Amino acid sequence: MEPLMTRRHQRRRLPSGVCTIVFLIGLSIGVMANAQGASSGIPYENRIKAAFLVELFSYVDWPADAVPAFGDQFVIGVVGEGPTLLALLDLRGLEMEDNRQLVVKRLTEAVDFGSCHMLFFSEDPGVDVGRVLGEIADNAVLTVGETGDFTRLGGMVRFYPAANRVRFEINPEASRTAGLRISSRLLRLAKITKTSGDR
């Protein structure tokens, strides 16, 4: 088996309020889902999700031969439209470890799906989530989504609301299939699920 490499990142400057968001997420503390971002107009819930997507990079190990190679960028692809995409776009250009830059891509064509280190699926009814997950199941791409059946379909991480808070669940089976290793620290904070049924 190929050795795994860990990619850690540091944020030098984050938009107002995001440092607090990341801190709260790191402690697995939720926030009121209907709160609003003070400056951007983007719902606070979606700003939290965007910050969590960036924070996930600290808790996942990719295979040493991951494609695409990390180079000087960390790439998050977004499938579908929605406020979390807008929150992610606010974080573009974030400086990470070894001078890597955060890149956010809107994706519409299947050929693009494997060009990212992470794929975020917004809650967009026009996206065939099961089909895309099936196409990239063996790729070293971390998949994160919002729809209720996301991890059952083979997605790795899903956001879900609970008692007016943003929670998350993880499908370790799906991450292992893709050759990714998720930190046990994060797994302890998550609800654990598994793939089931047909895509």
N, C-alpha and C. Protein backbone atom coordinates (compact mmCIF):
# COMPACT_ATOMS: atom_id res chain seq x y z
N MET A 1 0.84 -1.19 0.00
CA MET A 1 0.00 0.00 0.00
C MET A 1 0.87 1.24 0.00
N GLU A 2 0.48 2.25 -0.78
CA GLU A 2 1.25 3.47 -0.87
C GLU A 2 1.23 4.21 0.47
N PRO A 3 2.35 4.82 0.87
CA PRO A 3 2.35 5.61 2.10
C PRO A 3 1.43 6.80 1.95
N LEU A 4 0.93 7.26 3.08
CA LEU A 4 0.05 8.42 3.07
C LEU A 4 0.84 9.65 3.44
N MET A 5 0.43 10.78 2.89
CA MET A 5 1.08 12.03 3.25
C MET A 5 0.06 12.96 3.86
N THR A 6 0.45 13.67 4.88
CA THR A 6 -0.44 14.58 5.57
C THR A 6 -0.18 16.00 5.10
N ARG A 7 -1.25 16.71 4.78
CA ARG A 7 -1.14 18.09 4.34
C ARG A 7 -1.83 18.97 5.37
N ARG A 8 -1.07 19.71 6.13
CA ARG A 8 -1.64 20.60 7.12
C ARG A 8 -1.67 22.02 6.56
N HIS A 9 -2.60 22.84 7.05
CA HIS A 9 -2.65 24.19 6.54
C HIS A 9 -2.85 25.19 7.66
N GLN A 10 -2.46 26.40 7.40
CA GLN A 10 -2.61 27.48 8.35
C GLN A 10 -3.26 28.65 7.64
N ARG A 11 -4.22 29.30 8.30
CA ARG A 11 -4.87 30.47 7.73
C ARG A 11 -4.26 31.71 8.32
N ARG A 12 -3.70 32.58 7.49
CA ARG A 12 -3.13 33.82 7.98
C ARG A 12 -4.20 34.86 8.25
N ARG A 13 -5.10 35.02 7.27
CA ARG A 13 -6.12 36.03 7.40
C ARG A 13 -7.43 35.45 6.90
N LEU A 14 -8.46 35.47 7.72
CA LEU A 14 -9.76 34.98 7.33
C LEU A 14 -10.76 36.13 7.37
N PRO A 15 -11.82 36.05 6.57
CA PRO A 15 -12.86 37.06 6.63
C PRO A 15 -13.42 37.17 8.03
N SER A 16 -13.96 38.33 8.35
CA SER A 16 -14.48 38.61 9.69
C SER A 16 -15.44 37.52 10.13
N GLY A 17 -15.21 37.01 11.33
CA GLY A 17 -16.10 36.01 11.91
C GLY A 17 -15.70 34.58 11.63
N VAL A 18 -14.89 34.34 10.61
CA VAL A 18 -14.57 32.97 10.24
C VAL A 18 -13.63 32.31 11.23
N CYS A 19 -12.69 33.07 11.82
CA CYS A 19 -11.80 32.49 12.83
C CYS A 19 -12.60 31.87 13.95
N THR A 20 -13.63 32.61 14.41
CA THR A 20 -14.49 32.11 15.47
C THR A 20 -15.23 30.87 15.01
N ILE A 21 -15.70 30.88 13.76
CA ILE A 21 -16.42 29.74 13.22
C ILE A 21 -15.56 28.49 13.25
N VAL A 22 -14.32 28.61 12.76
CA VAL A 22 -13.42 27.46 12.71
C VAL A 22 -13.14 26.96 14.12
N PHE A 23 -12.96 27.87 15.06
CA PHE A 23 -12.70 27.47 16.44
C PHE A 23 -13.88 26.68 17.00
N LEU A 24 -15.08 27.18 16.76
CA LEU A 24 -16.26 26.49 17.26
C LEU A 24 -16.41 25.11 16.63
N ILE A 25 -16.17 25.02 15.32
CA ILE A 25 -16.27 23.73 14.65
C ILE A 25 -15.24 22.76 15.19
N GLY A 26 -14.02 23.26 15.47
CA GLY A 26 -12.96 22.41 15.99
C GLY A 26 -13.34 21.78 17.31
N LEU A 27 -14.21 22.47 18.06
CA LEU A 27 -14.68 21.94 19.34
C LEU A 27 -16.01 21.21 19.20
N SER A 28 -16.47 21.06 17.95
CA SER A 28 -17.75 20.41 17.66
C SER A 28 -18.91 21.13 18.34
N ILE A 29 -18.86 22.46 18.34
CA ILE A 29 -19.93 23.26 18.90
C ILE A 29 -20.75 23.83 17.76
N GLY A 30 -22.06 23.64 17.80
CA GLY A 30 -22.91 24.16 16.74
C GLY A 30 -23.28 25.60 16.96
N VAL A 31 -23.91 26.21 15.95
CA VAL A 31 -24.44 27.56 16.07
C VAL A 31 -25.85 27.57 15.54
N MET A 32 -26.56 28.60 15.84
CA MET A 32 -27.92 28.73 15.36
C MET A 32 -27.93 28.82 13.85
N ALA A 33 -28.68 27.95 13.22
CA ALA A 33 -28.64 27.85 11.76
C ALA A 33 -29.25 29.06 11.07
N ASN A 34 -30.11 29.81 11.75
CA ASN A 34 -30.74 30.94 11.07
C ASN A 34 -30.04 32.26 11.34
N ALA A 35 -28.88 32.22 11.99
CA ALA A 35 -28.12 33.45 12.21
C ALA A 35 -27.53 33.91 10.89
N GLN A 36 -27.30 35.21 10.75
CA GLN A 36 -26.81 35.75 9.50
C GLN A 36 -25.39 36.28 9.65
N GLY A 37 -24.58 36.14 8.58
CA GLY A 37 -23.25 36.73 8.56
C GLY A 37 -23.37 38.24 8.64
N ALA A 38 -22.54 38.86 9.46
CA ALA A 38 -22.68 40.27 9.74
C ALA A 38 -22.36 41.14 8.54
N SER A 39 -21.39 40.74 7.72
CA SER A 39 -20.93 41.64 6.67
C SER A 39 -21.27 41.18 5.26
N SER A 40 -21.25 39.88 5.00
CA SER A 40 -21.36 39.42 3.62
C SER A 40 -22.79 39.21 3.17
N GLY A 41 -23.75 39.08 4.09
CA GLY A 41 -25.11 38.75 3.71
C GLY A 41 -25.32 37.27 3.49
N ILE A 42 -24.27 36.48 3.55
CA ILE A 42 -24.38 35.03 3.42
C ILE A 42 -24.82 34.46 4.76
N PRO A 43 -25.81 33.57 4.77
CA PRO A 43 -26.26 32.99 6.04
C PRO A 43 -25.10 32.41 6.85
N TYR A 44 -25.16 32.62 8.15
CA TYR A 44 -24.08 32.18 9.02
C TYR A 44 -23.86 30.67 8.91
N GLU A 45 -24.95 29.93 8.75
CA GLU A 45 -24.85 28.47 8.62
C GLU A 45 -23.93 28.09 7.47
N ASN A 46 -24.05 28.80 6.36
CA ASN A 46 -23.26 28.47 5.18
C ASN A 46 -21.82 28.93 5.31
N ARG A 47 -21.59 30.01 6.06
CA ARG A 47 -20.23 30.44 6.35
C ARG A 47 -19.52 29.40 7.22
N ILE A 48 -20.28 28.81 8.13
CA ILE A 48 -19.73 27.75 8.98
C ILE A 48 -19.35 26.55 8.12
N LYS A 49 -20.23 26.16 7.21
CA LYS A 49 -19.94 25.01 6.35
C LYS A 49 -18.69 25.26 5.51
N ALA A 50 -18.56 26.46 4.97
CA ALA A 50 -17.39 26.78 4.17
C ALA A 50 -16.11 26.70 5.00
N ALA A 51 -16.14 27.25 6.20
CA ALA A 51 -14.97 27.19 7.06
C ALA A 51 -14.64 25.76 7.45
N PHE A 52 -15.68 24.95 7.67
CA PHE A 52 -15.46 23.56 8.02
C PHE A 52 -14.82 22.79 6.87
N LEU A 53 -15.22 23.10 5.63
CA LEU A 53 -14.62 22.44 4.47
C LEU A 53 -13.12 22.69 4.42
N VAL A 54 -12.72 23.92 4.70
CA VAL A 54 -11.29 24.24 4.73
C VAL A 54 -10.61 23.53 5.91
N GLU A 55 -11.28 23.52 7.05
CA GLU A 55 -10.71 22.89 8.24
C GLU A 55 -10.55 21.38 8.05
N LEU A 56 -11.40 20.78 7.24
CA LEU A 56 -11.31 19.33 6.99
C LEU A 56 -9.94 18.92 6.47
N PHE A 57 -9.30 19.81 5.76
CA PHE A 57 -7.99 19.51 5.19
C PHE A 57 -6.99 19.10 6.26
N SER A 58 -7.17 19.60 7.47
CA SER A 58 -6.27 19.28 8.57
C SER A 58 -6.50 17.89 9.15
N TYR A 59 -7.62 17.26 8.79
CA TYR A 59 -7.98 15.99 9.42
C TYR A 59 -8.02 14.82 8.44
N VAL A 60 -7.50 15.04 7.23
CA VAL A 60 -7.54 14.00 6.21
C VAL A 60 -6.15 13.80 5.62
N ASP A 61 -5.75 12.55 5.43
CA ASP A 61 -4.50 12.21 4.76
C ASP A 61 -4.83 11.65 3.38
N TRP A 62 -4.18 12.20 2.36
CA TRP A 62 -4.33 11.73 0.99
C TRP A 62 -3.19 10.77 0.64
N PRO A 63 -3.40 9.84 -0.30
CA PRO A 63 -2.29 8.98 -0.74
C PRO A 63 -1.15 9.82 -1.32
N ALA A 64 0.06 9.34 -1.17
CA ALA A 64 1.23 10.06 -1.66
C ALA A 64 1.18 10.27 -3.17
N ASP A 65 0.46 9.36 -3.88
CA ASP A 65 0.37 9.48 -5.33
C ASP A 65 -0.97 10.06 -5.77
N ALA A 66 -1.58 10.85 -4.89
CA ALA A 66 -2.89 11.41 -5.20
C ALA A 66 -2.86 12.23 -6.48
N VAL A 67 -3.93 12.12 -7.26
CA VAL A 67 -4.09 12.90 -8.49
C VAL A 67 -5.37 13.73 -8.34
N PRO A 68 -5.29 15.06 -8.49
CA PRO A 68 -4.09 15.79 -8.88
C PRO A 68 -3.09 15.93 -7.74
N ALA A 69 -1.82 16.14 -8.09
CA ALA A 69 -0.81 16.40 -7.08
C ALA A 69 -1.13 17.73 -6.41
N PHE A 70 -0.69 17.89 -5.18
CA PHE A 70 -1.03 19.10 -4.45
C PHE A 70 -0.34 20.34 -5.01
N GLY A 71 0.92 20.21 -5.41
CA GLY A 71 1.61 21.36 -5.97
C GLY A 71 1.51 22.57 -5.07
N ASP A 72 1.14 23.73 -5.63
CA ASP A 72 1.04 24.94 -4.84
C ASP A 72 -0.41 25.34 -4.58
N GLN A 73 -1.35 24.38 -4.76
CA GLN A 73 -2.76 24.68 -4.58
C GLN A 73 -3.48 23.57 -3.83
N PHE A 74 -4.54 23.94 -3.15
CA PHE A 74 -5.50 22.98 -2.62
C PHE A 74 -6.83 23.33 -3.27
N VAL A 75 -7.42 22.38 -4.00
CA VAL A 75 -8.56 22.67 -4.86
C VAL A 75 -9.85 22.06 -4.31
N ILE A 76 -10.84 22.92 -4.07
CA ILE A 76 -12.19 22.48 -3.71
C ILE A 76 -13.09 22.73 -4.90
N GLY A 77 -13.71 21.66 -5.41
CA GLY A 77 -14.68 21.80 -6.48
C GLY A 77 -16.08 21.81 -5.90
N VAL A 78 -16.95 22.62 -6.47
CA VAL A 78 -18.33 22.72 -5.99
C VAL A 78 -19.28 22.29 -7.10
N VAL A 79 -20.14 21.33 -6.78
CA VAL A 79 -21.13 20.82 -7.73
C VAL A 79 -22.49 21.39 -7.33
N GLY A 80 -23.08 22.16 -8.23
CA GLY A 80 -24.36 22.79 -7.92
C GLY A 80 -24.19 24.21 -7.41
N GLU A 81 -25.32 24.88 -7.21
CA GLU A 81 -25.32 26.28 -6.77
C GLU A 81 -25.86 26.37 -5.35
N GLY A 82 -25.61 27.50 -4.70
CA GLY A 82 -26.16 27.70 -3.36
C GLY A 82 -25.29 28.63 -2.53
N PRO A 83 -25.76 29.02 -1.35
CA PRO A 83 -25.03 29.98 -0.51
C PRO A 83 -23.70 29.47 0.02
N THR A 84 -23.53 28.16 0.16
CA THR A 84 -22.23 27.66 0.63
C THR A 84 -21.16 27.90 -0.43
N LEU A 85 -21.53 27.80 -1.70
CA LEU A 85 -20.60 28.14 -2.78
C LEU A 85 -20.14 29.59 -2.64
N LEU A 86 -21.08 30.50 -2.38
CA LEU A 86 -20.72 31.92 -2.22
C LEU A 86 -19.78 32.12 -1.04
N ALA A 87 -20.04 31.39 0.05
CA ALA A 87 -19.16 31.50 1.22
C ALA A 87 -17.77 30.97 0.91
N LEU A 88 -17.69 29.90 0.13
CA LEU A 88 -16.38 29.36 -0.27
C LEU A 88 -15.64 30.34 -1.18
N LEU A 89 -16.37 30.97 -2.08
CA LEU A 89 -15.72 31.92 -2.98
C LEU A 89 -15.10 33.08 -2.19
N ASP A 90 -15.68 33.41 -1.04
CA ASP A 90 -15.10 34.45 -0.19
C ASP A 90 -13.74 34.04 0.37
N LEU A 91 -13.48 32.72 0.41
CA LEU A 91 -12.23 32.22 0.99
C LEU A 91 -11.16 31.94 -0.07
N ARG A 92 -11.46 32.19 -1.33
CA ARG A 92 -10.48 31.94 -2.39
C ARG A 92 -9.19 32.72 -2.13
N GLY A 93 -8.07 32.06 -2.44
CA GLY A 93 -6.77 32.70 -2.27
C GLY A 93 -6.22 32.62 -0.88
N LEU A 94 -6.93 31.94 0.02
CA LEU A 94 -6.45 31.75 1.38
C LEU A 94 -5.08 31.11 1.35
N GLU A 95 -4.12 31.66 2.09
CA GLU A 95 -2.76 31.10 2.09
C GLU A 95 -2.66 29.95 3.07
N MET A 96 -2.13 28.84 2.59
CA MET A 96 -2.05 27.63 3.37
C MET A 96 -0.58 27.24 3.56
N GLU A 97 -0.36 26.11 4.19
CA GLU A 97 1.00 25.67 4.48
C GLU A 97 1.84 25.58 3.20
N ASP A 98 3.12 25.91 3.31
CA ASP A 98 4.05 25.87 2.18
C ASP A 98 3.59 26.77 1.04
N ASN A 99 2.93 27.87 1.40
CA ASN A 99 2.48 28.87 0.42
C ASN A 99 1.46 28.34 -0.57
N ARG A 100 0.78 27.28 -0.22
CA ARG A 100 -0.30 26.80 -1.10
C ARG A 100 -1.50 27.74 -0.99
N GLN A 101 -2.19 27.87 -2.10
CA GLN A 101 -3.36 28.74 -2.15
C GLN A 101 -4.63 27.90 -2.27
N LEU A 102 -5.69 28.37 -1.60
CA LEU A 102 -6.98 27.72 -1.72
C LEU A 102 -7.64 28.14 -3.03
N VAL A 103 -8.03 27.15 -3.84
CA VAL A 103 -8.70 27.39 -5.11
C VAL A 103 -10.11 26.79 -5.02
N VAL A 104 -11.10 27.57 -5.44
CA VAL A 104 -12.49 27.09 -5.45
C VAL A 104 -12.98 27.11 -6.89
N LYS A 105 -13.49 25.96 -7.37
CA LYS A 105 -13.96 25.83 -8.74
C LYS A 105 -15.44 25.46 -8.78
N ARG A 106 -16.19 26.15 -9.64
CA ARG A 106 -17.54 25.68 -9.98
C ARG A 106 -17.41 24.58 -11.01
N LEU A 107 -18.04 23.45 -10.77
CA LEU A 107 -17.91 22.32 -11.69
C LEU A 107 -19.25 21.98 -12.32
N THR A 108 -19.23 21.78 -13.62
CA THR A 108 -20.46 21.41 -14.33
C THR A 108 -20.27 20.17 -15.19
N GLU A 109 -19.03 19.85 -15.54
CA GLU A 109 -18.78 18.72 -16.41
C GLU A 109 -18.09 17.59 -15.64
N ALA A 110 -18.48 16.36 -15.95
CA ALA A 110 -17.92 15.20 -15.24
C ALA A 110 -16.41 15.13 -15.36
N VAL A 111 -15.87 15.63 -16.45
CA VAL A 111 -14.43 15.55 -16.66
C VAL A 111 -13.67 16.35 -15.60
N ASP A 112 -14.34 17.30 -14.96
CA ASP A 112 -13.69 18.15 -13.97
C ASP A 112 -13.66 17.53 -12.58
N PHE A 113 -14.49 16.54 -12.32
CA PHE A 113 -14.67 16.06 -10.96
C PHE A 113 -13.39 15.49 -10.35
N GLY A 114 -12.57 14.87 -11.16
CA GLY A 114 -11.34 14.28 -10.64
C GLY A 114 -10.18 15.25 -10.55
N SER A 115 -10.43 16.52 -10.86
CA SER A 115 -9.35 17.51 -10.85
C SER A 115 -9.24 18.25 -9.53
N CYS A 116 -9.96 17.76 -8.52
CA CYS A 116 -10.01 18.44 -7.22
C CYS A 116 -9.56 17.50 -6.11
N HIS A 117 -9.16 18.08 -5.01
CA HIS A 117 -8.83 17.30 -3.82
C HIS A 117 -10.08 17.05 -2.98
N MET A 118 -11.05 17.98 -3.10
CA MET A 118 -12.30 17.86 -2.37
C MET A 118 -13.44 18.29 -3.28
N LEU A 119 -14.57 17.58 -3.19
CA LEU A 119 -15.77 17.95 -3.92
C LEU A 119 -16.88 18.24 -2.92
N PHE A 120 -17.48 19.41 -3.04
CA PHE A 120 -18.64 19.75 -2.21
C PHE A 120 -19.89 19.76 -3.08
N PHE A 121 -20.90 19.00 -2.67
CA PHE A 121 -22.17 18.93 -3.38
C PHE A 121 -23.19 19.78 -2.65
N SER A 122 -23.62 20.86 -3.27
CA SER A 122 -24.63 21.70 -2.64
C SER A 122 -25.99 21.02 -2.74
N GLU A 123 -26.93 21.53 -1.99
CA GLU A 123 -28.27 20.94 -1.99
C GLU A 123 -29.03 21.47 -3.20
N ASP A 124 -28.62 21.00 -4.36
CA ASP A 124 -29.17 21.46 -5.64
C ASP A 124 -29.92 20.30 -6.28
N PRO A 125 -31.24 20.42 -6.45
CA PRO A 125 -32.02 19.30 -7.01
C PRO A 125 -31.64 18.94 -8.44
N GLY A 126 -30.91 19.80 -9.12
CA GLY A 126 -30.52 19.52 -10.49
C GLY A 126 -29.29 18.65 -10.61
N VAL A 127 -28.69 18.28 -9.49
CA VAL A 127 -27.46 17.48 -9.51
C VAL A 127 -27.78 16.02 -9.22
N ASP A 128 -27.30 15.12 -10.08
CA ASP A 128 -27.46 13.68 -9.87
C ASP A 128 -26.29 13.21 -9.00
N VAL A 129 -26.46 13.33 -7.70
CA VAL A 129 -25.38 13.07 -6.74
C VAL A 129 -24.89 11.63 -6.84
N GLY A 130 -25.81 10.67 -6.90
CA GLY A 130 -25.43 9.27 -6.95
C GLY A 130 -24.57 8.95 -8.15
N ARG A 131 -24.90 9.52 -9.29
CA ARG A 131 -24.13 9.26 -10.51
C ARG A 131 -22.71 9.77 -10.37
N VAL A 132 -22.57 11.00 -9.89
CA VAL A 132 -21.23 11.58 -9.75
C VAL A 132 -20.41 10.80 -8.74
N LEU A 133 -21.00 10.45 -7.60
CA LEU A 133 -20.27 9.69 -6.59
C LEU A 133 -19.81 8.36 -7.15
N GLY A 134 -20.65 7.72 -7.97
CA GLY A 134 -20.27 6.45 -8.57
C GLY A 134 -19.10 6.59 -9.51
N GLU A 135 -19.03 7.72 -10.23
CA GLU A 135 -17.95 7.93 -11.20
C GLU A 135 -16.60 8.16 -10.53
N ILE A 136 -16.61 8.73 -9.33
CA ILE A 136 -15.34 9.08 -8.69
C ILE A 136 -15.04 8.25 -7.45
N ALA A 137 -15.79 7.16 -7.25
CA ALA A 137 -15.67 6.39 -6.01
C ALA A 137 -14.25 5.91 -5.72
N ASP A 138 -13.48 5.62 -6.76
CA ASP A 138 -12.13 5.09 -6.56
C ASP A 138 -11.05 6.18 -6.63
N ASN A 139 -11.46 7.43 -6.82
CA ASN A 139 -10.51 8.54 -6.87
C ASN A 139 -10.22 9.07 -5.48
N ALA A 140 -9.03 9.58 -5.29
CA ALA A 140 -8.64 10.15 -4.00
C ALA A 140 -9.20 11.56 -3.85
N VAL A 141 -10.54 11.64 -3.83
CA VAL A 141 -11.23 12.92 -3.72
C VAL A 141 -12.15 12.85 -2.50
N LEU A 142 -12.00 13.80 -1.60
CA LEU A 142 -12.86 13.86 -0.42
C LEU A 142 -14.20 14.45 -0.84
N THR A 143 -15.30 13.74 -0.58
CA THR A 143 -16.62 14.20 -0.99
C THR A 143 -17.44 14.63 0.22
N VAL A 144 -18.05 15.81 0.10
CA VAL A 144 -18.84 16.39 1.19
C VAL A 144 -20.15 16.89 0.61
N GLY A 145 -21.26 16.66 1.31
CA GLY A 145 -22.55 17.08 0.78
C GLY A 145 -23.53 17.47 1.87
N GLU A 146 -24.75 17.81 1.41
CA GLU A 146 -25.79 18.29 2.31
C GLU A 146 -27.07 17.49 2.23
N THR A 147 -27.29 16.75 1.15
CA THR A 147 -28.56 16.05 0.98
C THR A 147 -28.69 14.89 1.96
N GLY A 148 -29.93 14.55 2.29
CA GLY A 148 -30.18 13.57 3.33
C GLY A 148 -29.61 12.19 3.07
N ASP A 149 -29.51 11.79 1.79
CA ASP A 149 -29.02 10.45 1.47
C ASP A 149 -27.57 10.46 1.01
N PHE A 150 -26.83 11.52 1.27
CA PHE A 150 -25.50 11.68 0.69
C PHE A 150 -24.55 10.56 1.10
N THR A 151 -24.42 10.27 2.37
CA THR A 151 -23.48 9.23 2.79
C THR A 151 -24.00 7.83 2.44
N ARG A 152 -25.30 7.66 2.41
CA ARG A 152 -25.85 6.36 2.00
C ARG A 152 -25.50 6.06 0.55
N LEU A 153 -25.40 7.11 -0.25
CA LEU A 153 -25.06 6.95 -1.67
C LEU A 153 -23.56 6.77 -1.90
N GLY A 154 -22.77 6.88 -0.85
CA GLY A 154 -21.33 6.72 -0.99
C GLY A 154 -20.53 7.97 -0.76
N GLY A 155 -21.18 9.07 -0.35
CA GLY A 155 -20.46 10.28 0.02
C GLY A 155 -19.73 10.07 1.34
N MET A 156 -18.73 10.90 1.62
CA MET A 156 -17.88 10.69 2.80
C MET A 156 -18.30 11.51 4.01
N VAL A 157 -18.67 12.77 3.80
CA VAL A 157 -19.03 13.65 4.91
C VAL A 157 -20.32 14.38 4.54
N ARG A 158 -21.24 14.46 5.49
CA ARG A 158 -22.50 15.17 5.24
C ARG A 158 -22.82 16.12 6.38
N PHE A 159 -23.22 17.34 6.02
CA PHE A 159 -23.75 18.28 7.00
C PHE A 159 -25.23 17.97 7.21
N TYR A 160 -25.70 18.10 8.47
CA TYR A 160 -27.13 17.96 8.70
C TYR A 160 -27.51 18.83 9.91
N PRO A 161 -28.73 19.34 9.91
CA PRO A 161 -29.18 20.17 11.03
C PRO A 161 -29.71 19.31 12.17
N ALA A 162 -29.44 19.73 13.39
CA ALA A 162 -29.95 19.03 14.56
C ALA A 162 -30.07 20.04 15.69
N ALA A 163 -31.30 20.24 16.18
CA ALA A 163 -31.54 21.18 17.28
C ALA A 163 -30.96 22.56 16.98
N ASN A 164 -31.23 23.05 15.77
CA ASN A 164 -30.75 24.37 15.34
C ASN A 164 -29.24 24.48 15.30
N ARG A 165 -28.56 23.37 15.10
CA ARG A 165 -27.11 23.37 15.00
C ARG A 165 -26.68 22.65 13.74
N VAL A 166 -25.48 22.95 13.30
CA VAL A 166 -24.89 22.27 12.14
C VAL A 166 -24.05 21.11 12.65
N ARG A 167 -24.45 19.91 12.31
CA ARG A 167 -23.72 18.71 12.69
C ARG A 167 -23.14 18.05 11.45
N PHE A 168 -22.36 16.98 11.64
CA PHE A 168 -21.83 16.28 10.48
C PHE A 168 -21.75 14.79 10.75
N GLU A 169 -21.87 14.02 9.68
CA GLU A 169 -21.71 12.58 9.76
C GLU A 169 -20.67 12.15 8.75
N ILE A 170 -20.05 10.99 9.00
CA ILE A 170 -18.95 10.52 8.16
C ILE A 170 -19.18 9.06 7.79
N ASN A 171 -18.85 8.74 6.54
CA ASN A 171 -18.90 7.38 6.03
C ASN A 171 -17.46 6.89 5.85
N PRO A 172 -16.85 6.26 6.86
CA PRO A 172 -15.45 5.82 6.77
C PRO A 172 -15.22 4.80 5.66
N GLU A 173 -16.22 3.98 5.38
CA GLU A 173 -16.10 2.98 4.31
C GLU A 173 -15.80 3.65 2.98
N ALA A 174 -16.51 4.74 2.69
CA ALA A 174 -16.32 5.45 1.41
C ALA A 174 -14.94 6.09 1.34
N SER A 175 -14.47 6.65 2.45
CA SER A 175 -13.14 7.27 2.44
C SER A 175 -12.04 6.23 2.27
N ARG A 176 -12.20 5.07 2.89
CA ARG A 176 -11.19 4.02 2.73
C ARG A 176 -11.14 3.51 1.29
N THR A 177 -12.31 3.39 0.65
CA THR A 177 -12.35 2.96 -0.74
C THR A 177 -11.55 3.89 -1.64
N ALA A 178 -11.59 5.19 -1.32
CA ALA A 178 -10.88 6.19 -2.11
C ALA A 178 -9.42 6.34 -1.69
N GLY A 179 -8.99 5.60 -0.68
CA GLY A 179 -7.61 5.69 -0.24
C GLY A 179 -7.32 6.85 0.69
N LEU A 180 -8.37 7.44 1.27
CA LEU A 180 -8.20 8.56 2.19
C LEU A 180 -8.28 8.09 3.63
N ARG A 181 -7.54 8.73 4.50
CA ARG A 181 -7.57 8.39 5.92
C ARG A 181 -8.06 9.60 6.70
N ILE A 182 -9.20 9.44 7.37
CA ILE A 182 -9.78 10.52 8.18
C ILE A 182 -9.34 10.34 9.63
N SER A 183 -8.91 11.42 10.24
CA SER A 183 -8.39 11.39 11.60
C SER A 183 -9.41 10.80 12.58
N SER A 184 -8.92 9.99 13.50
CA SER A 184 -9.80 9.43 14.53
C SER A 184 -10.38 10.52 15.42
N ARG A 185 -9.68 11.64 15.54
CA ARG A 185 -10.19 12.76 16.33
C ARG A 185 -11.48 13.29 15.73
N LEU A 186 -11.52 13.40 14.41
CA LEU A 186 -12.72 13.88 13.75
C LEU A 186 -13.82 12.82 13.79
N LEU A 187 -13.44 11.56 13.61
CA LEU A 187 -14.44 10.49 13.63
C LEU A 187 -15.15 10.42 14.97
N ARG A 188 -14.43 10.72 16.05
CA ARG A 188 -15.05 10.68 17.38
C ARG A 188 -16.12 11.75 17.54
N LEU A 189 -16.03 12.83 16.78
CA LEU A 189 -16.99 13.92 16.88
C LEU A 189 -18.18 13.76 15.95
N ALA A 190 -18.10 12.77 15.05
CA ALA A 190 -19.11 12.64 14.00
C ALA A 190 -20.07 11.50 14.27
N LYS A 191 -21.21 11.56 13.64
CA LYS A 191 -22.11 10.43 13.55
C LYS A 191 -21.58 9.54 12.43
N ILE A 192 -21.44 8.24 12.68
CA ILE A 192 -20.86 7.32 11.70
C ILE A 192 -21.96 6.63 10.91
N THR A 193 -21.82 6.64 9.59
CA THR A 193 -22.79 5.99 8.72
C THR A 193 -22.07 5.10 7.73
N LYS A 194 -22.80 4.45 6.84
CA LYS A 194 -22.18 3.60 5.83
C LYS A 194 -22.99 3.64 4.54
N THR A 195 -22.37 3.20 3.46
CA THR A 195 -23.02 3.13 2.16
C THR A 195 -24.06 2.02 2.19
N SER A 196 -25.23 2.27 1.59
CA SER A 196 -26.25 1.23 1.52
C SER A 196 -27.16 1.49 0.33
N GLY A 197 -27.70 0.43 -0.24
CA GLY A 197 -28.64 0.56 -1.35
C GLY A 197 -27.95 0.92 -2.64
N ASP A 198 -28.76 1.20 -3.65
CA ASP A 198 -28.27 1.53 -4.97
C ASP A 198 -28.10 3.04 -5.13
N ARG A 199 -27.10 3.41 -5.94
CA ARG A 199 -26.94 4.82 -6.26
C ARG A 199 -27.99 5.26 -7.29
